[in-house]
Protein backbone atom coordinates (compact mmCIF):
# COMPACT_ATOMS: atom_id res chain seq x y z
CA MET A 1 -37.15 41.17 -28.19
CA SER A 2 -37.46 39.43 -24.60
CA SER A 3 -40.17 37.24 -23.85
CA LYS A 4 -40.71 39.54 -20.63
CA ASN A 5 -40.88 43.14 -22.94
CA ILE A 6 -43.09 41.27 -25.41
CA ARG A 7 -45.37 40.85 -22.41
CA TRP A 8 -44.94 43.95 -21.80
CA LEU A 9 -46.25 45.38 -25.00
CA TYR A 10 -49.16 42.63 -25.33
CA VAL A 11 -50.64 44.42 -21.91
CA GLN A 12 -49.70 47.98 -23.44
CA LEU A 13 -51.06 47.46 -27.27
CA ASN A 14 -55.16 47.37 -26.10
CA GLU A 15 -54.59 50.33 -23.71
CA LEU A 16 -53.26 52.45 -26.95
CA VAL A 17 -55.91 51.08 -29.02
CA GLU A 18 -58.43 52.20 -26.95
CA LYS A 19 -56.52 56.04 -26.29
CA GLY A 20 -56.33 56.29 -30.08
CA VAL A 21 -52.78 56.04 -30.12
CA ILE A 22 -52.68 53.25 -32.88
CA ASP A 23 -55.20 51.52 -34.72
CA ASP A 24 -56.83 47.70 -34.43
CA ALA A 25 -54.69 46.87 -37.64
CA THR A 26 -51.02 47.78 -36.67
CA SER A 27 -51.79 46.64 -33.25
CA LYS A 28 -52.51 43.41 -35.05
CA GLN A 29 -49.38 43.78 -36.88
CA LEU A 30 -47.32 44.26 -34.03
CA SER A 31 -48.68 40.72 -32.11
CA GLU A 32 -48.12 38.99 -35.05
CA HIS A 33 -44.59 40.77 -35.66
CA TYR A 34 -43.62 39.55 -32.79
CA ASP A 35 -45.73 36.16 -32.08
CA MET A 36 -47.60 37.38 -29.09
CA ASP A 37 -49.72 34.79 -29.12
CA SER A 38 -47.08 32.06 -28.35
CA VAL A 39 -46.07 33.83 -25.86
CA VAL A 40 -48.40 34.81 -23.46
CA ALA A 41 -50.10 31.29 -24.15
CA ASP A 42 -46.67 29.64 -22.60
CA LYS A 43 -47.17 32.19 -19.90
CA SER A 44 -50.37 31.13 -18.96
CA ILE A 45 -48.89 28.12 -17.64
CA SER A 46 -47.29 28.25 -14.06
CA ILE A 47 -44.40 27.11 -12.76
CA MET A 48 -46.48 24.86 -10.53
CA THR A 49 -48.57 23.22 -13.49
CA VAL A 50 -44.93 22.30 -15.20
CA ILE A 51 -43.42 20.74 -11.86
CA LEU A 52 -46.61 18.84 -11.02
CA SER A 53 -46.99 17.54 -14.63
CA ALA A 54 -43.10 16.74 -14.69
CA ILE A 55 -43.76 15.12 -10.75
CA GLY A 56 -46.42 12.56 -12.25
CA GLY A 57 -44.14 11.65 -15.29
CA LEU A 58 -41.83 10.61 -12.69
CA LEU A 59 -44.67 8.65 -10.94
CA VAL A 60 -45.99 7.17 -13.82
CA GLY A 61 -42.42 5.84 -15.12
CA GLY A 62 -42.05 4.55 -11.50
CA GLY A 63 -45.46 2.76 -11.35
CA VAL A 64 -44.73 0.85 -14.66
CA ILE A 65 -41.68 -0.14 -13.59
CA LEU A 66 -42.98 -1.55 -10.64
CA ILE A 67 -45.88 -3.37 -11.93
CA PHE A 68 -43.05 -5.06 -14.41
CA ALA A 69 -40.83 -5.98 -11.84
CA HIS A 70 -43.39 -7.85 -9.64
CA ASN A 71 -43.69 -10.33 -12.29
CA TRP A 72 -40.47 -10.12 -13.98
CA GLU A 73 -39.15 -13.52 -12.79
CA ASN A 74 -42.16 -15.01 -14.53
CA ILE A 75 -41.63 -13.75 -18.15
CA GLY A 76 -39.24 -14.99 -20.72
CA ARG A 77 -36.51 -13.63 -22.19
CA PRO A 78 -38.49 -12.51 -25.42
CA MET A 79 -40.95 -10.62 -23.28
CA ARG A 80 -38.89 -9.13 -21.20
CA ALA A 81 -37.41 -7.20 -23.97
CA VAL A 82 -40.58 -6.39 -25.24
CA LEU A 83 -41.87 -4.88 -21.51
CA ALA A 84 -38.14 -3.05 -21.63
CA PHE A 85 -38.97 -1.05 -24.75
CA LEU A 86 -42.48 -0.92 -24.26
CA PRO A 87 -42.41 2.66 -21.65
CA LEU A 88 -39.21 4.08 -23.75
CA LEU A 89 -41.61 3.36 -26.48
CA LEU A 90 -44.09 5.02 -25.31
CA SER A 91 -42.32 7.99 -23.93
CA GLN A 92 -40.72 8.71 -27.31
CA ILE A 93 -44.56 8.65 -28.56
CA LEU A 94 -45.32 11.96 -26.01
CA CYS A 95 -42.40 13.22 -27.18
CA SER A 96 -42.50 13.20 -30.81
CA MET A 97 -46.63 14.04 -30.08
CA ALA A 98 -45.20 17.33 -28.37
CA LEU A 99 -42.49 18.07 -31.33
CA LEU A 100 -45.37 17.65 -33.98
CA PRO A 101 -46.25 21.47 -35.50
CA LYS A 102 -49.15 22.23 -33.20
CA PRO A 103 -48.06 23.89 -30.36
CA ARG A 104 -47.85 21.67 -27.52
CA SER A 105 -47.80 23.64 -23.42
CA GLN A 106 -44.68 23.81 -21.33
CA ALA A 107 -46.18 21.45 -19.26
CA TRP A 108 -46.87 18.74 -21.85
CA LYS A 109 -43.19 18.88 -22.88
CA GLU A 110 -41.85 18.64 -19.44
CA THR A 111 -44.00 15.41 -18.64
CA ALA A 112 -43.02 13.76 -21.93
CA ALA A 113 -38.81 14.88 -20.97
CA VAL A 114 -39.54 13.35 -17.92
CA LEU A 115 -41.11 10.44 -19.06
CA MET A 116 -38.12 10.06 -21.30
CA PHE A 117 -35.38 10.32 -18.34
CA CYS A 118 -36.97 7.51 -16.44
CA THR A 119 -37.90 4.99 -19.41
CA VAL A 120 -34.20 5.34 -20.85
CA PRO A 121 -32.34 3.88 -17.82
CA ALA A 122 -34.91 1.74 -17.07
CA CYS A 123 -34.74 -0.19 -20.73
CA ILE A 124 -30.80 -0.15 -20.44
CA ALA A 125 -30.97 -1.90 -16.92
CA LEU A 126 -33.49 -4.43 -17.96
CA ILE A 127 -31.97 -5.67 -21.26
CA GLY A 128 -28.80 -5.72 -19.71
CA GLN A 129 -30.33 -7.68 -16.41
CA THR A 130 -32.20 -10.06 -19.38
CA TYR A 131 -29.02 -10.88 -21.47
CA HIS A 132 -26.37 -10.53 -18.56
CA VAL A 133 -24.66 -7.01 -20.38
CA SER A 134 -21.49 -5.98 -18.64
CA ASP A 135 -22.67 -4.64 -15.14
CA ASP A 136 -20.96 -1.31 -15.56
CA THR A 137 -21.94 1.78 -13.30
CA GLU A 138 -19.72 4.04 -15.31
CA ALA A 139 -21.01 2.54 -19.08
CA PHE A 140 -24.63 2.86 -17.64
CA LEU A 141 -24.20 6.84 -16.38
CA MET A 142 -22.30 7.85 -19.87
CA TRP A 143 -25.31 5.95 -21.63
CA TRP A 144 -28.31 7.46 -19.69
CA PHE A 145 -26.45 11.09 -20.37
CA VAL A 146 -26.24 10.53 -24.23
CA LEU A 147 -29.16 9.39 -25.15
CA LEU A 148 -30.85 11.90 -23.35
CA LEU A 149 -29.52 14.93 -24.51
CA PRO A 150 -30.94 15.35 -27.77
CA ILE A 151 -34.43 15.45 -25.91
CA VAL A 152 -33.28 18.54 -24.19
CA TYR A 153 -32.80 20.41 -26.99
CA LEU A 154 -35.17 18.91 -29.19
CA LEU A 155 -38.03 20.03 -26.46
CA ARG A 156 -36.06 22.47 -23.91
CA PRO A 157 -37.48 21.09 -20.94
CA HIS A 158 -36.13 23.26 -17.94
CA LEU A 159 -36.59 20.32 -14.85
CA THR A 160 -35.00 17.65 -17.57
CA ALA A 161 -32.08 19.99 -18.08
CA VAL A 162 -31.25 20.39 -14.15
CA LEU A 163 -31.34 16.77 -14.21
CA MET A 164 -29.13 16.06 -16.70
CA VAL A 165 -27.08 18.85 -14.84
CA VAL A 166 -27.16 16.25 -12.05
CA LEU A 167 -26.59 13.56 -13.88
CA ALA A 168 -23.01 15.55 -15.21
CA THR A 169 -22.31 16.41 -12.00
CA VAL A 170 -22.06 12.72 -10.74
CA LEU A 171 -20.38 11.34 -13.63
CA GLY A 172 -17.55 14.08 -13.35
CA CYS A 173 -17.33 13.93 -9.55
CA PHE A 174 -17.23 10.04 -8.87
CA TYR A 175 -15.99 9.25 -12.27
CA GLN A 176 -13.76 12.35 -13.25
CA SER A 177 -11.86 13.72 -16.40
CA PRO A 178 -13.00 13.75 -19.08
CA TYR A 179 -16.80 13.15 -17.93
CA TRP A 180 -17.08 17.35 -17.24
CA LEU A 181 -17.17 17.54 -21.22
CA CYS A 182 -20.83 16.07 -20.43
CA LEU A 183 -21.48 19.60 -18.66
CA VAL A 184 -19.90 21.66 -21.53
CA ALA A 185 -22.09 20.10 -23.39
CA LEU A 186 -25.32 21.33 -21.60
CA ILE A 187 -23.53 24.91 -22.04
CA PRO A 188 -24.97 25.64 -25.35
CA TYR A 189 -28.50 25.35 -24.25
CA TYR A 190 -27.64 27.94 -21.13
CA LEU A 191 -26.50 30.56 -23.87
CA LEU A 192 -29.90 29.60 -25.74
CA GLY A 193 -31.98 30.37 -22.77
CA ARG A 194 -30.28 33.98 -22.30
CA GLN A 195 -31.18 34.64 -25.93
CA GLN A 196 -34.55 34.74 -25.14
CA GLY A 197 -34.50 36.37 -22.42
CA GLU A 198 -34.08 36.18 -18.49
CA SER A 199 -36.79 34.01 -16.75
CA MET A 200 -37.21 32.42 -13.69
CA ARG A 201 -36.33 28.97 -15.29
CA HIS A 202 -33.23 30.00 -16.67
CA SER A 203 -32.23 31.92 -13.79
CA GLN A 204 -33.02 28.14 -11.99
CA PHE A 205 -30.62 26.39 -15.12
CA SER A 206 -27.53 29.10 -14.77
CA TRP A 207 -27.58 27.77 -11.09
CA ALA A 208 -27.96 24.60 -11.12
CA LEU A 209 -24.83 25.01 -13.91
CA CYS A 210 -22.64 27.01 -11.77
CA LEU A 211 -23.06 25.03 -8.59
CA SER A 212 -21.74 21.75 -10.46
CA LEU A 213 -19.43 23.69 -12.45
CA ALA A 214 -18.03 24.97 -8.54
CA ILE A 215 -18.22 21.26 -8.09
CA ILE A 216 -16.56 19.46 -10.37
CA LEU A 217 -13.70 22.00 -11.22
CA PRO A 218 -12.03 20.76 -8.28
CA VAL A 219 -12.76 17.40 -8.46
CA SER A 220 -11.18 17.36 -11.82
CA LEU A 221 -8.08 19.37 -10.78
CA LEU A 222 -8.03 17.54 -7.94
CA TYR A 223 -7.49 13.99 -9.31
CA GLN A 224 -4.54 14.18 -10.34
CA GLY A 225 -2.41 14.93 -7.13
CA SER A 226 -1.58 17.64 -5.21
CA GLU A 227 0.84 19.28 -7.02
CA PRO A 228 1.00 23.15 -5.98
CA PRO A 229 -0.01 25.18 -9.87
CA ILE A 230 -3.75 23.27 -9.25
CA ILE A 231 -4.59 26.23 -6.36
CA LEU A 232 -3.72 28.69 -9.28
CA MET A 233 -5.87 27.15 -11.81
CA LEU A 234 -8.90 26.26 -9.59
CA ILE A 235 -8.92 30.16 -8.23
CA SER A 236 -8.69 31.14 -12.25
CA GLY A 237 -11.79 28.80 -12.76
CA ALA A 238 -13.48 30.63 -10.06
CA LEU A 239 -12.63 34.38 -11.29
CA ALA A 240 -13.38 33.35 -15.04
CA LEU A 241 -17.06 32.54 -13.24
CA TYR A 242 -17.01 35.78 -11.20
CA LEU A 243 -15.80 37.78 -14.67
CA TYR A 244 -18.42 36.40 -16.82
CA GLY A 245 -20.87 36.86 -14.27
CA GLY A 246 -19.55 40.61 -13.76
CA ASN A 247 -19.78 41.11 -17.19
CA PHE A 248 -22.88 39.29 -18.81
CA GLU A 249 -25.32 39.01 -15.90
CA PRO A 250 -27.97 41.60 -14.89
CA LYS A 251 -26.60 44.47 -12.55
CA GLN A 252 -29.38 44.08 -10.35
CA GLY A 253 -30.62 40.92 -8.22
CA PHE A 254 -28.92 38.15 -6.77
CA GLY A 255 -30.74 35.08 -8.04
CA LYS A 256 -30.40 36.61 -11.78
CA ARG A 257 -26.46 36.15 -10.76
CA PRO A 258 -25.10 32.69 -10.26
CA PHE A 259 -21.71 33.03 -11.95
CA THR A 260 -21.10 36.12 -10.24
CA ASN A 261 -22.07 35.24 -6.50
CA ILE A 262 -20.84 31.72 -6.95
CA GLY A 263 -17.31 32.60 -8.62
CA ALA A 264 -16.57 35.22 -5.60
CA ILE A 265 -17.35 33.01 -3.24
CA THR A 266 -15.77 29.94 -4.19
CA ALA A 267 -12.29 32.28 -5.03
CA ALA A 268 -13.17 33.87 -1.55
CA VAL A 269 -12.55 30.48 -0.15
CA CYS A 270 -9.36 30.10 -1.59
CA GLY A 271 -7.75 33.14 -0.87
CA LEU A 272 -8.85 32.31 3.11
CA ILE A 273 -7.41 29.33 2.72
CA LEU A 274 -3.86 30.87 1.59
CA SER A 275 -4.19 33.16 4.47
CA PHE A 276 -2.62 30.44 6.96
CA LYS A 277 1.43 30.11 6.68
CA ASP A 278 0.82 26.62 6.73
CA ALA A 279 -1.26 26.26 3.36
CA TRP A 280 1.78 28.47 1.66
CA SER A 281 4.35 26.05 3.08
CA GLU A 282 2.44 22.90 1.36
CA LEU A 283 2.03 24.62 -1.60
CA LEU A 284 5.62 26.32 -1.66
CA ARG A 285 7.89 22.68 -1.32
CA THR A 286 11.08 22.88 -3.35
CA GLU A 287 9.82 19.37 -4.89
CA TYR A 288 7.48 21.23 -6.58
CA SER A 289 9.93 24.24 -7.87
CA ASP A 290 9.56 22.86 -12.10
CA PHE A 291 6.32 25.00 -12.57
CA PRO A 292 4.46 24.43 -14.52
CA TYR A 293 4.17 20.45 -14.07
CA PHE A 294 0.96 18.37 -14.10
CA GLY A 295 1.90 14.85 -12.99
CA VAL A 296 0.78 12.31 -16.30
CA ASN A 297 -3.37 13.56 -15.97
CA TRP A 298 -3.40 14.89 -19.57
CA HIS A 299 -7.17 15.53 -18.90
CA SER A 300 -6.88 17.57 -15.87
CA ALA A 301 -3.87 19.47 -17.38
CA ALA A 302 -6.31 20.63 -20.30
CA LEU A 303 -8.67 21.51 -17.85
CA ALA A 304 -5.82 23.47 -16.18
CA TRP A 305 -4.52 25.43 -19.12
CA ILE A 306 -7.95 25.85 -20.80
CA LEU A 307 -9.57 27.73 -16.94
CA PHE A 308 -6.29 29.63 -16.66
CA ALA A 309 -6.70 30.74 -20.27
CA ALA A 310 -10.63 31.33 -19.86
CA PHE A 311 -9.86 34.04 -16.71
CA LEU A 312 -6.79 36.36 -18.82
CA ILE A 313 -9.09 36.44 -21.54
CA LEU A 314 -11.69 37.17 -18.93
CA VAL A 315 -9.76 39.50 -17.38
CA PHE A 316 -9.11 40.94 -21.28
CA ILE A 317 -13.03 42.10 -21.48
CA THR A 318 -13.28 43.21 -18.16
CA ILE A 319 -10.28 45.86 -18.37
CA LYS A 320 -11.91 46.55 -22.27
CA ARG A 321 -15.83 47.06 -20.61
CA SER A 322 -13.94 49.36 -17.69
CA ASN A 323 -15.48 47.31 -15.59
CA TYR A 324 -12.72 47.45 -12.50
CA ARG A 325 -14.52 47.00 -9.84
CA LEU A 326 -13.95 43.70 -10.69
CA LEU A 327 -10.67 43.55 -10.41
CA PRO A 328 -9.28 43.87 -7.21
CA LEU A 329 -10.71 39.96 -6.01
CA SER A 330 -9.26 38.64 -9.74
CA SER A 331 -5.41 40.13 -8.44
CA LEU A 332 -5.26 37.04 -5.89
CA VAL A 333 -4.10 35.08 -9.42
CA GLY A 334 -1.38 37.06 -9.79
CA LEU A 335 -0.23 37.18 -6.22
CA ILE A 336 -0.33 33.22 -6.90
CA ALA A 337 1.46 33.31 -9.98
CA ILE A 338 4.23 35.07 -8.33
CA ALA A 339 4.78 32.85 -5.73
CA PHE A 340 5.24 30.19 -8.25
CA VAL A 341 7.52 31.75 -10.05
CA LEU A 342 10.10 33.18 -8.06
CA PRO A 343 13.26 31.42 -7.07
CA TYR A 344 13.54 30.56 -3.49
CA SER A 345 9.95 31.44 -2.97
CA SER A 346 9.71 28.18 -0.74
CA GLU A 347 11.28 30.15 2.07
CA SER A 348 8.64 33.24 2.31
CA ALA A 349 5.51 31.25 3.31
CA LEU A 350 4.81 33.66 6.17
CA ALA A 351 5.17 37.20 3.58
CA PHE A 352 3.08 35.70 1.47
CA ALA A 353 0.41 34.78 3.91
CA ILE A 354 1.16 38.23 4.83
CA ALA A 355 0.59 39.49 1.73
CA VAL A 356 -3.03 37.81 1.61
CA ASN A 357 -4.52 38.41 4.38
CA LEU A 358 -3.57 42.35 3.38
CA LEU A 359 -4.84 41.70 0.12
CA MET A 360 -8.23 40.22 1.26
CA VAL A 361 -8.56 42.69 3.81
CA GLY A 362 -8.08 45.64 0.81
CA VAL A 363 -10.36 43.79 -0.76
CA GLY A 364 -12.96 43.52 1.53
CA ILE A 365 -12.96 47.15 2.51
CA TRP A 366 -13.10 48.14 -1.53
CA TYR A 367 -16.10 46.25 -2.36
CA ALA A 368 -18.18 47.44 1.30
CA MET A 369 -17.05 51.32 0.20
CA LEU A 370 -18.25 50.58 -3.15
CA GLY A 371 -21.26 48.79 -1.60
CA LEU A 372 -22.19 51.71 -0.19
CA LYS A 373 -21.59 54.15 -2.81
CA GLN A 374 -23.44 52.01 -5.38
CA HIS A 375 -26.38 50.75 -2.42
CA SER A 376 -25.94 47.60 -3.10
CA THR A 377 -26.61 45.38 0.11
CA SER A 378 -25.37 42.60 -1.31
CA LEU A 379 -21.16 44.33 -2.14
CA LEU A 380 -21.41 45.67 1.38
CA ASN A 381 -21.96 42.64 2.90
CA PHE A 382 -19.55 40.49 1.12
CA GLY A 383 -16.71 42.99 1.70
CA LEU A 384 -17.86 43.35 5.92
CA LEU A 385 -17.87 39.51 5.49
CA LEU A 386 -14.62 39.27 4.03
CA VAL A 387 -13.01 41.54 6.39
CA MET A 388 -14.56 39.57 9.25
CA ALA A 389 -13.62 36.14 8.17
CA ILE A 390 -9.82 37.47 8.24
CA LEU A 391 -10.20 39.08 12.11
CA ILE A 392 -11.90 36.29 12.74
CA MET A 393 -9.35 33.85 11.42
CA ARG A 394 -6.38 35.23 13.10
CA PHE A 395 -7.65 35.95 16.14
CA PHE A 396 -8.13 31.76 16.30
CA ASP A 397 -4.15 31.85 16.04
CA GLN A 398 -3.72 33.96 18.85
CA ASP A 399 -4.13 32.06 22.43
CA LEU A 400 -7.09 33.94 23.29
CA SER A 401 -9.62 33.19 26.51
CA PHE A 402 -13.03 31.91 25.78
CA ILE A 403 -14.52 35.54 27.08
CA GLY A 404 -11.89 36.94 25.07
CA ARG A 405 -13.29 35.50 21.78
CA GLY A 406 -16.65 35.87 22.77
CA ILE A 407 -16.37 39.90 23.50
CA VAL A 408 -14.63 39.94 19.67
CA PHE A 409 -16.99 38.47 18.08
CA ILE A 410 -19.88 40.57 19.51
CA VAL A 411 -18.44 43.43 19.16
CA MET A 412 -18.00 42.75 15.02
CA GLY A 413 -21.28 40.24 14.81
CA SER A 414 -22.71 44.42 16.09
CA ILE A 415 -20.76 46.27 13.92
CA PHE A 416 -22.23 43.80 11.41
CA ILE A 417 -25.11 44.66 12.19
CA GLY A 418 -25.36 48.09 12.73
CA ILE A 419 -23.46 49.09 9.55
CA ASN A 420 -26.35 46.48 7.94
CA ILE A 421 -29.13 49.02 10.16
CA TRP A 422 -27.86 52.21 9.15
CA HIS A 423 -27.34 51.18 4.77
CA GLY A 424 -30.99 50.08 4.96
CA ARG A 425 -32.06 53.60 6.66
CA ARG A 426 -30.22 55.59 3.75
CA ARG A 427 -31.25 53.85 1.02
CA LEU A 428 -34.91 54.88 2.11
CA VAL A 429 -33.79 58.42 1.96
């Protein structure tokens, strides 16, 4: 049972005892069975308390480093080594205390983990500066991540987990593959959070993880060059996020569906880019006819095929679960795959651009109608924005005056606002 349901049951127990529905013994047995005391105690620590405790940990760690830096030149090497390890030792003691059998608050764990997050890189940097170890930023960031990873799983500190996602993103963006594996190492943390029920802190980590995936995947793929299959794999990755969210995330609540939202937006942006003829002319050049071609970077090639395989598996799961509403946007992958497989497709850039325009307009209308049917404002607006984005792009292709374009924008904006007002009133009826 999720922590949210346990807290609800905890509130209901007192009322049930007062009404005589259950006796005190039964109430106590239920409380012990679901470990209600620890769940309710953990809830009593507000998110603001956790944030303030973590900020306090950052300030303390920064203050210690600044004090050492003030007299650093006047300290001998042995003393420098001692002072470099002293903050790390203190933070390790705090983390060890948080792991003792006696329950510790979430604020304690967050503070200890953040202190460790600060002292580990400080210790590495100070030892490197003292003994003139090679100044390698890539190795420094990698050791920082590797040494902090066990703390994330031992203490389950949410703020530190988000900081680790940021660190993995920096590694993946600036040093490319295979450092996206650092982000993969944090996925079990996300899965553990799902098993314990949805919460605000887990949703925040999910958003950070999904945004990082949306950033690292295209960087890792484009790192190998501009081969045309890359766009196919990029959209496959975006739609894999979308299909995963559509099948396994809650059906309602924008904030609780990061994979669905970010995957759909990323795939839609790729589709809008492919609505231009010039984009297809570049993708379907004759020297790229040997599909599939991935150059010499095997890391990116492996990632590309993993994304495509993940997309196909999730399509199968979607069909098995009868979530057919997720398939229209996913059909974009099929159209791109056909373009790369068909012979002489390099001479049909305009035809494929027209097909993408029709597909995106059809997908937009589909989701708008689905939003009206299901009373979903997010689906309605996603469909409307998709249709209007295609129309706006095609208007920019035309040689219209500023007055003409302005009138078109006013009309489309008025339609968009009018439909939303009508939909809002319709939901209240």
